[in-house]
Protein backbone atom coordinates (compact mmCIF):
# COMPACT_ATOMS: atom_id res chain seq x y z
CA UNK A 1 52.55 -52.27 229.68
CA UNK A 2 55.34 -49.74 229.90
CA UNK A 3 57.14 -48.76 233.08
CA UNK A 4 59.25 -45.69 233.60
CA UNK A 5 61.82 -44.18 235.85
CA UNK A 6 62.21 -40.42 236.07
CA UNK A 7 65.50 -38.75 236.91
CA UNK A 8 65.58 -35.03 237.65
CA UNK A 9 68.80 -33.06 238.04
CA UNK A 10 68.76 -29.78 239.97
CA UNK A 11 65.05 -29.32 239.07
CA UNK A 12 66.14 -28.16 235.63
CA UNK A 13 66.09 -31.18 233.34
CA UNK A 14 63.49 -33.86 232.83
CA UNK A 15 64.77 -37.14 231.51
CA UNK A 16 62.63 -40.23 231.27
CA UNK A 17 63.86 -43.81 230.93
CA UNK A 18 61.27 -46.08 229.41
CA UNK A 19 61.49 -49.84 229.81
CA UNK A 20 59.46 -52.13 227.59
CA UNK A 21 58.54 -54.99 229.93
CA UNK A 22 57.53 -57.20 227.02
CA UNK A 23 61.17 -57.34 225.89
CA UNK A 24 62.86 -56.27 229.18
CA UNK A 25 64.98 -53.77 227.28
CA UNK A 26 65.25 -50.01 226.89
CA UNK A 27 62.37 -48.28 225.13
CA UNK A 28 63.22 -47.30 221.56
CA UNK A 29 61.04 -44.38 220.40
CA UNK A 30 62.03 -44.94 216.76
CA UNK A 31 60.58 -48.45 216.80
CA UNK A 32 57.24 -47.07 218.02
CA UNK A 33 56.77 -44.34 215.42
CA UNK A 34 58.30 -41.59 217.54
CA UNK A 35 61.31 -40.80 215.36
CA UNK A 36 62.78 -37.40 216.11
CA UNK A 37 62.58 -37.71 219.90
CA UNK A 38 66.09 -37.22 221.35
CA UNK A 39 67.08 -40.55 222.86
CA UNK A 40 70.42 -41.64 224.32
CA UNK A 41 70.97 -45.11 225.78
CA UNK A 42 67.27 -45.51 226.50
CA UNK A 43 66.85 -42.05 228.05
CA UNK A 44 64.52 -39.56 226.39
CA UNK A 45 65.45 -35.91 227.00
CA UNK A 46 62.27 -33.87 226.88
CA UNK A 47 63.43 -30.43 227.95
CA UNK A 48 64.47 -28.09 230.71
CA UNK A 49 61.73 -28.46 233.24
CA UNK A 50 60.91 -29.58 236.75
CA UNK A 51 57.37 -30.79 236.10
CA UNK A 52 56.51 -34.30 237.29
CA UNK A 53 54.43 -36.09 234.69
CA UNK A 54 52.36 -39.18 235.48
CA UNK A 55 52.56 -41.47 232.46
CA UNK A 56 49.88 -43.86 231.29
CA UNK A 57 50.08 -46.92 229.10
CA UNK A 58 50.08 -45.02 225.79
CA UNK A 59 53.73 -44.06 225.27
CA UNK A 60 52.94 -41.78 222.33
CA UNK A 61 50.64 -39.70 224.52
CA UNK A 62 53.10 -39.83 227.42
CA UNK A 63 56.04 -38.54 225.40
CA UNK A 64 53.89 -35.85 223.80
CA UNK A 65 52.61 -34.79 227.25
CA UNK A 66 56.17 -34.64 228.58
CA UNK A 67 57.39 -32.58 225.64
CA UNK A 68 54.40 -30.23 225.84
CA UNK A 69 54.83 -29.77 229.61
CA UNK A 70 58.54 -29.02 229.27
CA UNK A 71 58.00 -26.41 226.56
CA UNK A 72 55.04 -24.69 228.20
CA UNK A 73 56.28 -24.56 231.81
CA UNK A 74 59.93 -23.67 231.31
CA UNK A 75 60.78 -20.29 232.81
CA UNK A 76 64.11 -19.86 231.03
CA UNK A 77 64.42 -18.04 227.74
CA UNK A 78 64.73 -20.66 224.98
CA UNK A 79 68.35 -21.13 223.95
CA UNK A 80 67.50 -20.55 220.29
CA UNK A 81 66.23 -17.07 221.19
CA UNK A 82 69.50 -16.38 223.02
CA UNK A 83 71.57 -17.32 219.94
CA UNK A 84 73.35 -20.30 221.57
CA UNK A 85 74.81 -23.24 219.69
CA UNK A 86 76.61 -26.27 221.16
CA UNK A 87 78.39 -28.54 218.71
CA UNK A 88 79.10 -31.28 218.04
CA UNK A 89 76.35 -32.90 220.04
CA UNK A 90 76.97 -35.72 220.95
CA UNK A 91 80.59 -34.78 221.71
CA UNK A 92 83.64 -36.91 222.52
CA UNK A 93 86.33 -34.39 223.44
CA UNK A 94 85.96 -30.67 222.67
CA UNK A 95 82.54 -29.00 222.49
CA UNK A 96 82.28 -25.61 220.78
CA UNK A 97 80.01 -22.99 222.34
CA UNK A 98 78.75 -20.10 220.24
CA UNK A 99 76.64 -17.38 221.81
CA UNK A 100 75.69 -13.81 221.07
CA UNK A 101 75.77 -12.94 224.79
CA UNK A 102 78.82 -12.28 226.98
CA UNK A 103 79.11 -15.25 229.37
CA UNK A 104 79.91 -14.60 233.03
CA UNK A 105 79.94 -18.18 234.34
CA UNK A 106 79.54 -21.76 233.16
CA UNK A 107 78.27 -24.79 235.11
CA UNK A 108 77.93 -28.38 233.89
CA UNK A 109 75.78 -30.91 235.74
CA UNK A 110 75.22 -34.63 235.38
CA UNK A 111 71.50 -35.34 235.18
CA UNK A 112 71.70 -36.67 238.74
CA UNK A 113 72.35 -33.04 239.74
CA UNK A 114 76.06 -33.46 240.54
CA UNK A 115 78.14 -30.45 239.49
CA UNK A 116 81.04 -31.70 237.32
CA UNK A 117 82.43 -28.39 236.04
CA UNK A 118 82.29 -24.76 237.14
CA UNK A 119 84.08 -21.68 235.87
CA UNK A 120 83.48 -18.12 237.05
CA UNK A 121 84.43 -15.66 234.31
CA UNK A 122 86.31 -18.27 232.27
CA UNK A 123 88.93 -16.90 229.91
CA UNK A 124 87.60 -18.90 226.96
CA UNK A 125 83.84 -19.37 226.63
CA UNK A 126 84.10 -20.73 223.10
CA UNK A 127 84.99 -24.34 223.99
CA UNK A 128 84.58 -26.92 226.73
CA UNK A 129 86.89 -29.94 227.11
CA UNK A 130 84.67 -32.91 228.03
CA UNK A 131 87.27 -35.64 227.47
CA UNK A 132 87.39 -36.38 231.23
CA UNK A 133 83.57 -36.59 231.55
CA UNK A 134 81.84 -39.99 231.75
CA UNK A 135 79.63 -40.94 228.82
CA UNK A 136 76.06 -39.76 229.30
CA UNK A 137 73.70 -36.80 229.21
CA UNK A 138 74.60 -33.46 230.81
CA UNK A 139 73.11 -30.03 231.42
CA UNK A 140 75.14 -26.86 230.82
CA UNK A 141 74.03 -23.64 232.51
CA UNK A 142 75.51 -20.41 231.17
CA UNK A 143 74.98 -17.16 233.07
CA UNK A 144 75.36 -13.98 231.06
CA UNK A 145 76.71 -10.66 232.31
CA UNK A 146 73.19 -9.20 232.10
CA UNK A 147 71.91 -11.92 234.48
CA UNK A 148 70.16 -14.17 231.93
CA UNK A 149 70.46 -17.94 232.32
CA UNK A 150 70.82 -20.25 229.34
CA UNK A 151 70.35 -24.00 229.87
CA UNK A 152 71.05 -26.66 227.26
CA UNK A 153 71.37 -30.45 227.22
CA UNK A 154 74.26 -32.25 225.57
CA UNK A 155 75.57 -35.80 225.36
CA UNK A 156 79.13 -37.04 225.89
CA UNK A 157 79.70 -40.09 223.71
């Protein structure tokens, strides 16, 4: 039987931590035929969403349900449609940000919801120094001059 913990930051990111009670260790989606699911230190990032998902015993169905819910209920314009790229991801020091839109402000949150970086009309939107951030998963929220919001997940390694 699988157990889970859900962490939600600012009602914008759903991250699930799966624990395999048979081995008392983090759930590894690759070992269960779920290769391709983004996983970092046992956390599975399923999208930008605030939906609460009740998971059953079948982890394949649970992950698929979480992914489907995050992609169908998200109200933000998908980042790919906005022409946004964050790289490298995972990142250790300097993350490059490429976007077709003019960025007005930038916010970075830990998945717990704690704001760790904010810049209103930053002079350089093309890079973010994350060398002082703790290792883990983060959410970046970019607000464009036309009022659009772009949200993306990234990992500091």
